[in-house]
Amino acid sequence: MKTVDIKNATAPLADYAQDLKEEPIIVTIAGKPVAALVSLENADWETVRLSAHPQFLALIERSRSRQKAEGGISSADMRRRLTL
């Protein structure tokens, strides 16, 4: 993974975007990561929007917490419940 400090990020954004084909680029300030430039090769607009939507992220976190606390069901059990 490539990193670049914001003070040294002087190239045009297009140049950094070309490098994303090889690996993500992490932008840092004083050594701490503050942003990531990643390829969206296998993502659509809806995926990108949802990945940063606070309400959606909260819903996912609640679901993960509930699954961890209560457990889940197998895919076979789900099929039986849905009579598939």
PDB file of N, CA and C in Angstrom:
ATOM      1  N   MET A   1       0.858  -1.164   0.000  1.00  0.00           N
ATOM      2  CA  MET A   1       0.000   0.000   0.000  1.00  0.00           C
ATOM      3  C   MET A   1       0.908   1.233   0.000  1.00  0.00           C
ATOM      4  N   LYS A   2       0.611   2.135  -0.867  1.00  0.00           N
ATOM      5  CA  LYS A   2       1.400   3.355  -0.983  1.00  0.00           C
ATOM      6  C   LYS A   2       0.828   4.421  -0.049  1.00  0.00           C
ATOM      7  N   THR A   3       1.720   5.190   0.575  1.00  0.00           N
ATOM      8  CA  THR A   3       1.277   6.312   1.395  1.00  0.00           C
ATOM      9  C   THR A   3       1.928   7.592   0.884  1.00  0.00           C
ATOM     10  N   VAL A   4       1.211   8.684   1.075  1.00  0.00           N
ATOM     11  CA  VAL A   4       1.755   9.993   0.704  1.00  0.00           C
ATOM     12  C   VAL A   4       1.297  10.998   1.757  1.00  0.00           C
ATOM     13  N   ASP A   5       2.238  11.750   2.290  1.00  0.00           N
ATOM     14  CA  ASP A   5       1.884  12.798   3.247  1.00  0.00           C
ATOM     15  C   ASP A   5       1.251  13.943   2.472  1.00  0.00           C
ATOM     16  N   ILE A   6       0.245  14.553   3.040  1.00  0.00           N
ATOM     17  CA  ILE A   6      -0.497  15.613   2.361  1.00  0.00           C
ATOM     18  C   ILE A   6       0.420  16.749   1.907  1.00  0.00           C
ATOM     19  N   LYS A   7       1.479  17.010   2.658  1.00  0.00           N
ATOM     20  CA  LYS A   7       2.419  18.064   2.272  1.00  0.00           C
ATOM     21  C   LYS A   7       3.179  17.707   1.005  1.00  0.00           C
ATOM     22  N   ASN A   8       3.343  16.418   0.752  1.00  0.00           N
ATOM     23  CA  ASN A   8       4.080  15.969  -0.426  1.00  0.00           C
ATOM     24  C   ASN A   8       3.165  15.598  -1.588  1.00  0.00           C
ATOM     25  N   ALA A   9       1.867  15.713  -1.405  1.00  0.00           N
ATOM     26  CA  ALA A   9       0.899  15.350  -2.442  1.00  0.00           C
ATOM     27  C   ALA A   9       0.708  16.529  -3.387  1.00  0.00           C
ATOM     28  N   THR A  10       1.703  16.751  -4.217  1.00  0.00           N
ATOM     29  CA  THR A  10       1.690  17.922  -5.092  1.00  0.00           C
ATOM     30  C   THR A  10       1.342  17.592  -6.539  1.00  0.00           C
ATOM     31  N   ALA A  11       1.251  16.311  -6.868  1.00  0.00           N
ATOM     32  CA  ALA A  11       0.913  15.918  -8.240  1.00  0.00           C
ATOM     33  C   ALA A  11      -0.582  16.144  -8.482  1.00  0.00           C
ATOM     34  N   PRO A  12      -0.973  16.289  -9.733  1.00  0.00           N
ATOM     35  CA  PRO A  12      -2.411  16.393 -10.036  1.00  0.00           C
ATOM     36  C   PRO A  12      -3.143  15.115  -9.601  1.00  0.00           C
ATOM     37  N   LEU A  13      -4.384  15.256  -9.221  1.00  0.00           N
ATOM     38  CA  LEU A  13      -5.185  14.121  -8.784  1.00  0.00           C
ATOM     39  C   LEU A  13      -5.210  13.021  -9.847  1.00  0.00           C
ATOM     40  N   ALA A  14      -5.224  13.403 -11.097  1.00  0.00           N
ATOM     41  CA  ALA A  14      -5.233  12.419 -12.188  1.00  0.00           C
ATOM     42  C   ALA A  14      -4.022  11.492 -12.115  1.00  0.00           C
ATOM     43  N   ASP A  15      -2.881  12.022 -11.711  1.00  0.00           N
ATOM     44  CA  ASP A  15      -1.681  11.186 -11.582  1.00  0.00           C
ATOM     45  C   ASP A  15      -1.862  10.142 -10.496  1.00  0.00           C
ATOM     46  N   TYR A  16      -2.422  10.545  -9.367  1.00  0.00           N
ATOM     47  CA  TYR A  16      -2.658   9.592  -8.283  1.00  0.00           C
ATOM     48  C   TYR A  16      -3.696   8.548  -8.710  1.00  0.00           C
ATOM     49  N   ALA A  17      -4.710   8.977  -9.430  1.00  0.00           N
ATOM     50  CA  ALA A  17      -5.753   8.056  -9.879  1.00  0.00           C
ATOM     51  C   ALA A  17      -5.178   6.977 -10.796  1.00  0.00           C
ATOM     52  N   GLN A  18      -4.210   7.322 -11.610  1.00  0.00           N
ATOM     53  CA  GLN A  18      -3.571   6.330 -12.482  1.00  0.00           C
ATOM     54  C   GLN A  18      -2.847   5.263 -11.671  1.00  0.00           C
ATOM     55  N   ASP A  19      -2.278   5.641 -10.540  1.00  0.00           N
ATOM     56  CA  ASP A  19      -1.541   4.703  -9.699  1.00  0.00           C
ATOM     57  C   ASP A  19      -2.454   3.719  -8.973  1.00  0.00           C
ATOM     58  N   LEU A  20      -3.755   4.006  -8.904  1.00  0.00           N
ATOM     59  CA  LEU A  20      -4.674   3.151  -8.167  1.00  0.00           C
ATOM     60  C   LEU A  20      -4.867   1.792  -8.810  1.00  0.00           C
ATOM     61  N   LYS A  21      -4.487   1.648 -10.058  1.00  0.00           N
ATOM     62  CA  LYS A  21      -4.604   0.349 -10.722  1.00  0.00           C
ATOM     63  C   LYS A  21      -3.723  -0.684 -10.035  1.00  0.00           C
ATOM     64  N   GLU A  22      -2.648  -0.226  -9.421  1.00  0.00           N
ATOM     65  CA  GLU A  22      -1.707  -1.129  -8.769  1.00  0.00           C
ATOM     66  C   GLU A  22      -2.032  -1.361  -7.300  1.00  0.00           C
ATOM     67  N   GLU A  23      -2.374  -0.298  -6.565  1.00  0.00           N
ATOM     68  CA  GLU A  23      -2.637  -0.406  -5.137  1.00  0.00           C
ATOM     69  C   GLU A  23      -3.304   0.863  -4.622  1.00  0.00           C
ATOM     70  N   PRO A  24      -3.988   0.777  -3.466  1.00  0.00           N
ATOM     71  CA  PRO A  24      -4.588   1.978  -2.877  1.00  0.00           C
ATOM     72  C   PRO A  24      -3.504   2.961  -2.432  1.00  0.00           C
ATOM     73  N   ILE A  25      -3.888   4.207  -2.295  1.00  0.00           N
ATOM     74  CA  ILE A  25      -2.981   5.240  -1.792  1.00  0.00           C
ATOM     75  C   ILE A  25      -3.605   5.807  -0.518  1.00  0.00           C
ATOM     76  N   ILE A  26      -2.843   5.804   0.561  1.00  0.00           N
ATOM     77  CA  ILE A  26      -3.288   6.352   1.829  1.00  0.00           C
ATOM     78  C   ILE A  26      -2.663   7.732   1.985  1.00  0.00           C
ATOM     79  N   VAL A  27      -3.494   8.726   2.214  1.00  0.00           N
ATOM     80  CA  VAL A  27      -3.024  10.095   2.440  1.00  0.00           C
ATOM     81  C   VAL A  27      -2.888  10.280   3.946  1.00  0.00           C
ATOM     82  N   THR A  28      -1.740  10.819   4.359  1.00  0.00           N
ATOM     83  CA  THR A  28      -1.478  10.997   5.781  1.00  0.00           C
ATOM     84  C   THR A  28      -1.207  12.454   6.120  1.00  0.00           C
ATOM     85  N   ILE A  29      -1.416  12.785   7.377  1.00  0.00           N
ATOM     86  CA  ILE A  29      -1.004  14.071   7.939  1.00  0.00           C
ATOM     87  C   ILE A  29      -0.187  13.725   9.181  1.00  0.00           C
ATOM     88  N   ALA A  30       1.045  14.138   9.168  1.00  0.00           N
ATOM     89  CA  ALA A  30       1.964  13.840  10.275  1.00  0.00           C
ATOM     90  C   ALA A  30       2.005  12.349  10.590  1.00  0.00           C
ATOM     91  N   GLY A  31       1.974  11.530   9.542  1.00  0.00           N
ATOM     92  CA  GLY A  31       2.078  10.085   9.714  1.00  0.00           C
ATOM     93  C   GLY A  31       0.786   9.367  10.035  1.00  0.00           C
ATOM     94  N   LYS A  32      -0.306  10.099  10.234  1.00  0.00           N
ATOM     95  CA  LYS A  32      -1.589   9.472  10.558  1.00  0.00           C
ATOM     96  C   LYS A  32      -2.480   9.440   9.314  1.00  0.00           C
ATOM     97  N   PRO A  33      -3.086   8.299   9.019  1.00  0.00           N
ATOM     98  CA  PRO A  33      -3.951   8.210   7.842  1.00  0.00           C
ATOM     99  C   PRO A  33      -5.204   9.072   7.998  1.00  0.00           C
ATOM    100  N   VAL A  34      -5.522   9.849   6.951  1.00  0.00           N
ATOM    101  CA  VAL A  34      -6.715  10.700   6.988  1.00  0.00           C
ATOM    102  C   VAL A  34      -7.654  10.448   5.811  1.00  0.00           C
ATOM    103  N   ALA A  35      -7.141   9.797   4.767  1.00  0.00           N
ATOM    104  CA  ALA A  35      -7.970   9.523   3.599  1.00  0.00           C
ATOM    105  C   ALA A  35      -7.355   8.372   2.818  1.00  0.00           C
ATOM    106  N   ALA A  36      -8.192   7.729   2.015  1.00  0.00           N
ATOM    107  CA  ALA A  36      -7.719   6.649   1.163  1.00  0.00           C
ATOM    108  C   ALA A  36      -8.240   6.865  -0.247  1.00  0.00           C
ATOM    109  N   LEU A  37      -7.380   6.694  -1.195  1.00  0.00           N
ATOM    110  CA  LEU A  37      -7.771   6.696  -2.600  1.00  0.00           C
ATOM    111  C   LEU A  37      -7.745   5.243  -3.048  1.00  0.00           C
ATOM    112  N   VAL A  38      -8.896   4.730  -3.442  1.00  0.00           N
ATOM    113  CA  VAL A  38      -8.986   3.329  -3.831  1.00  0.00           C
ATOM    114  C   VAL A  38      -9.671   3.202  -5.182  1.00  0.00           C
ATOM    115  N   SER A  39      -9.341   2.156  -5.876  1.00  0.00           N
ATOM    116  CA  SER A  39      -9.962   1.883  -7.165  1.00  0.00           C
ATOM    117  C   SER A  39     -11.417   1.478  -6.959  1.00  0.00           C
ATOM    118  N   LEU A  40     -12.279   1.948  -7.821  1.00  0.00           N
ATOM    119  CA  LEU A  40     -13.689   1.566  -7.769  1.00  0.00           C
ATOM    120  C   LEU A  40     -14.027   0.636  -8.925  1.00  0.00           C
ATOM    121  N   GLU A  41     -13.046  -0.112  -9.333  1.00  0.00           N
ATOM    122  CA  GLU A  41     -13.178  -0.998 -10.483  1.00  0.00           C
ATOM    123  C   GLU A  41     -14.369  -1.939 -10.376  1.00  0.00           C
ATOM    124  N   ASN A  42     -14.606  -2.489  -9.194  1.00  0.00           N
ATOM    125  CA  ASN A  42     -15.689  -3.455  -9.024  1.00  0.00           C
ATOM    126  C   ASN A  42     -16.830  -2.914  -8.173  1.00  0.00           C
ATOM    127  N   ALA A  43     -17.045  -1.611  -8.202  1.00  0.00           N
ATOM    128  CA  ALA A  43     -18.107  -1.007  -7.399  1.00  0.00           C
ATOM    129  C   ALA A  43     -18.988  -0.125  -8.271  1.00  0.00           C
ATOM    130  N   ASP A  44     -20.242  -0.015  -7.861  1.00  0.00           N
ATOM    131  CA  ASP A  44     -21.149   0.887  -8.561  1.00  0.00           C
ATOM    132  C   ASP A  44     -21.440   2.089  -7.659  1.00  0.00           C
ATOM    133  N   TRP A  45     -22.174   3.067  -8.182  1.00  0.00           N
ATOM    134  CA  TRP A  45     -22.455   4.290  -7.423  1.00  0.00           C
ATOM    135  C   TRP A  45     -23.199   4.002  -6.134  1.00  0.00           C
ATOM    136  N   GLU A  46     -24.157   3.076  -6.182  1.00  0.00           N
ATOM    137  CA  GLU A  46     -24.941   2.767  -4.986  1.00  0.00           C
ATOM    138  C   GLU A  46     -24.047   2.210  -3.879  1.00  0.00           C
ATOM    139  N   THR A  47     -23.140   1.332  -4.236  1.00  0.00           N
ATOM    140  CA  THR A  47     -22.212   0.758  -3.257  1.00  0.00           C
ATOM    141  C   THR A  47     -21.344   1.842  -2.635  1.00  0.00           C
ATOM    142  N   VAL A  48     -20.840   2.734  -3.462  1.00  0.00           N
ATOM    143  CA  VAL A  48     -19.980   3.809  -2.967  1.00  0.00           C
ATOM    144  C   VAL A  48     -20.760   4.721  -2.028  1.00  0.00           C
ATOM    145  N   ARG A  49     -21.966   5.082  -2.412  1.00  0.00           N
ATOM    146  CA  ARG A  49     -22.772   5.969  -1.562  1.00  0.00           C
ATOM    147  C   ARG A  49     -23.126   5.317  -0.233  1.00  0.00           C
ATOM    148  N   LEU A  50     -23.529   4.055  -0.269  1.00  0.00           N
ATOM    149  CA  LEU A  50     -23.906   3.375   0.965  1.00  0.00           C
ATOM    150  C   LEU A  50     -22.718   3.177   1.893  1.00  0.00           C
ATOM    151  N   SER A  51     -21.549   2.993   1.337  1.00  0.00           N
ATOM    152  CA  SER A  51     -20.378   2.735   2.172  1.00  0.00           C
ATOM    153  C   SER A  51     -20.001   3.939   3.031  1.00  0.00           C
ATOM    154  N   ALA A  52     -20.544   5.101   2.727  1.00  0.00           N
ATOM    155  CA  ALA A  52     -20.240   6.304   3.509  1.00  0.00           C
ATOM    156  C   ALA A  52     -21.493   6.915   4.143  1.00  0.00           C
ATOM    157  N   HIS A  53     -22.630   6.230   4.047  1.00  0.00           N
ATOM    158  CA  HIS A  53     -23.888   6.765   4.563  1.00  0.00           C
ATOM    159  C   HIS A  53     -24.025   6.412   6.048  1.00  0.00           C
ATOM    160  N   PRO A  54     -24.065   7.416   6.938  1.00  0.00           N
ATOM    161  CA  PRO A  54     -24.077   7.152   8.386  1.00  0.00           C
ATOM    162  C   PRO A  54     -25.221   6.257   8.850  1.00  0.00           C
ATOM    163  N   GLN A  55     -26.423   6.459   8.328  1.00  0.00           N
ATOM    164  CA  GLN A  55     -27.557   5.641   8.762  1.00  0.00           C
ATOM    165  C   GLN A  55     -27.400   4.194   8.312  1.00  0.00           C
ATOM    166  N   PHE A  56     -26.903   3.991   7.113  1.00  0.00           N
ATOM    167  CA  PHE A  56     -26.684   2.634   6.625  1.00  0.00           C
ATOM    168  C   PHE A  56     -25.605   1.940   7.452  1.00  0.00           C
ATOM    169  N   LEU A  57     -24.524   2.663   7.739  1.00  0.00           N
ATOM    170  CA  LEU A  57     -23.441   2.087   8.542  1.00  0.00           C
ATOM    171  C   LEU A  57     -23.926   1.741   9.948  1.00  0.00           C
ATOM    172  N   ALA A  58     -24.793   2.577  10.521  1.00  0.00           N
ATOM    173  CA  ALA A  58     -25.355   2.292  11.845  1.00  0.00           C
ATOM    174  C   ALA A  58     -26.230   1.044  11.797  1.00  0.00           C
ATOM    175  N   LEU A  59     -27.014   0.888  10.748  1.00  0.00           N
ATOM    176  CA  LEU A  59     -27.852  -0.295  10.572  1.00  0.00           C
ATOM    177  C   LEU A  59     -26.997  -1.556  10.496  1.00  0.00           C
ATOM    178  N   ILE A  60     -25.928  -1.501   9.738  1.00  0.00           N
ATOM    179  CA  ILE A  60     -25.028  -2.647   9.609  1.00  0.00           C
ATOM    180  C   ILE A  60     -24.401  -2.970  10.967  1.00  0.00           C
ATOM    181  N   GLU A  61     -23.965  -1.957  11.686  1.00  0.00           N
ATOM    182  CA  GLU A  61     -23.347  -2.178  12.998  1.00  0.00           C
ATOM    183  C   GLU A  61     -24.332  -2.795  13.982  1.00  0.00           C
ATOM    184  N   ARG A  62     -25.584  -2.319  13.977  1.00  0.00           N
ATOM    185  CA  ARG A  62     -26.607  -2.909  14.854  1.00  0.00           C
ATOM    186  C   ARG A  62     -26.832  -4.380  14.501  1.00  0.00           C
ATOM    187  N   SER A  63     -26.882  -4.662  13.209  1.00  0.00           N
ATOM    188  CA  SER A  63     -27.084  -6.043  12.767  1.00  0.00           C
ATOM    189  C   SER A  63     -25.930  -6.935  13.186  1.00  0.00           C
ATOM    190  N   ARG A  64     -24.722  -6.455  13.055  1.00  0.00           N
ATOM    191  CA  ARG A  64     -23.550  -7.244  13.458  1.00  0.00           C
ATOM    192  C   ARG A  64     -23.541  -7.477  14.964  1.00  0.00           C
ATOM    193  N   SER A  65     -23.870  -6.451  15.724  1.00  0.00           N
ATOM    194  CA  SER A  65     -23.908  -6.590  17.181  1.00  0.00           C
ATOM    195  C   SER A  65     -24.976  -7.594  17.600  1.00  0.00           C
ATOM    196  N   ARG A  66     -26.133  -7.524  16.976  1.00  0.00           N
ATOM    197  CA  ARG A  66     -27.217  -8.447  17.303  1.00  0.00           C
ATOM    198  C   ARG A  66     -26.832  -9.874  16.942  1.00  0.00           C
ATOM    199  N   GLN A  67     -26.229 -10.050  15.794  1.00  0.00           N
ATOM    200  CA  GLN A  67     -25.818 -11.387  15.376  1.00  0.00           C
ATOM    201  C   GLN A  67     -24.777 -11.944  16.337  1.00  0.00           C
ATOM    202  N   LYS A  68     -23.866 -11.107  16.778  1.00  0.00           N
ATOM    203  CA  LYS A  68     -22.834 -11.542  17.720  1.00  0.00           C
ATOM    204  C   LYS A  68     -23.445 -11.920  19.064  1.00  0.00           C
ATOM    205  N   ALA A  69     -24.403 -11.135  19.529  1.00  0.00           N
ATOM    206  CA  ALA A  69     -25.029 -11.371  20.832  1.00  0.00           C
ATOM    207  C   ALA A  69     -26.009 -12.540  20.799  1.00  0.00           C
ATOM    208  N   GLU A  70     -26.803 -12.632  19.748  1.00  0.00           N
ATOM    209  CA  GLU A  70     -27.876 -13.624  19.689  1.00  0.00           C
ATOM    210  C   GLU A  70     -27.554 -14.827  18.819  1.00  0.00           C
ATOM    211  N   GLY A  71     -26.528 -14.711  18.007  1.00  0.00           N
ATOM    212  CA  GLY A  71     -26.215 -15.793  17.082  1.00  0.00           C
ATOM    213  C   GLY A  71     -27.014 -15.653  15.802  1.00  0.00           C
ATOM    214  N   GLY A  72     -26.744 -16.511  14.887  1.00  0.00           N
ATOM    215  CA  GLY A  72     -27.430 -16.464  13.594  1.00  0.00           C
ATOM    216  C   GLY A  72     -28.047 -17.809  13.280  1.00  0.00           C
ATOM    217  N   ILE A  73     -28.503 -17.941  12.063  1.00  0.00           N
ATOM    218  CA  ILE A  73     -29.056 -19.214  11.618  1.00  0.00           C
ATOM    219  C   ILE A  73     -28.316 -19.636  10.358  1.00  0.00           C
ATOM    220  N   SER A  74     -28.323 -20.911  10.117  1.00  0.00           N
ATOM    221  CA  SER A  74     -27.640 -21.426   8.929  1.00  0.00           C
ATOM    222  C   SER A  74     -28.457 -21.113   7.680  1.00  0.00           C
ATOM    223  N   SER A  75     -27.809 -21.206   6.552  1.00  0.00           N
ATOM    224  CA  SER A  75     -28.539 -20.971   5.295  1.00  0.00           C
ATOM    225  C   SER A  75     -29.605 -22.038   5.089  1.00  0.00           C
ATOM    226  N   ALA A  76     -29.353 -23.265   5.543  1.00  0.00           N
ATOM    227  CA  ALA A  76     -30.354 -24.330   5.430  1.00  0.00           C
ATOM    228  C   ALA A  76     -31.589 -24.000   6.266  1.00  0.00           C
ATOM    229  N   ASP A  77     -31.374 -23.492   7.493  1.00  0.00           N
ATOM    230  CA  ASP A  77     -32.500 -23.087   8.332  1.00  0.00           C
ATOM    231  C   ASP A  77     -33.264 -21.936   7.686  1.00  0.00           C
ATOM    232  N   MET A  78     -32.564 -21.007   7.104  1.00  0.00           N
ATOM    233  CA  MET A  78     -33.234 -19.873   6.441  1.00  0.00           C
ATOM    234  C   MET A  78     -34.079 -20.376   5.281  1.00  0.00           C
ATOM    235  N   ARG A  79     -33.546 -21.312   4.501  1.00  0.00           N
ATOM    236  CA  ARG A  79     -34.319 -21.853   3.381  1.00  0.00           C
ATOM    237  C   ARG A  79     -35.584 -22.548   3.898  1.00  0.00           C
ATOM    238  N   ARG A  80     -35.453 -23.299   5.000  1.00  0.00           N
ATOM    239  CA  ARG A  80     -36.623 -23.974   5.588  1.00  0.00           C
ATOM    240  C   ARG A  80     -37.650 -22.945   6.031  1.00  0.00           C
ATOM    241  N   ARG A  81     -37.202 -21.878   6.672  1.00  0.00           N
ATOM    242  CA  ARG A  81     -38.123 -20.832   7.130  1.00  0.00           C
ATOM    243  C   ARG A  81     -38.853 -20.174   5.965  1.00  0.00           C
ATOM    244  N   LEU A  82     -38.130 -20.020   4.876  1.00  0.00           N
ATOM    245  CA  LEU A  82     -38.736 -19.378   3.698  1.00  0.00           C
ATOM    246  C   LEU A  82     -39.381 -20.393   2.769  1.00  0.00           C
ATOM    247  N   THR A  83     -39.366 -21.641   3.149  1.00  0.00           N
ATOM    248  CA  THR A  83     -39.894 -22.753   2.363  1.00  0.00           C
ATOM    249  C   THR A  83     -39.360 -22.755   0.935  1.00  0.00           C
ATOM    250  N   LEU A  84     -38.051 -22.629   0.818  1.00  0.00           N
ATOM    251  CA  LEU A  84     -37.420 -22.670  -0.501  1.00  0.00           C
ATOM    252  C   LEU A  84     -36.870 -24.049  -0.789  1.00  0.00           C
TER     253      LEU A  84
END
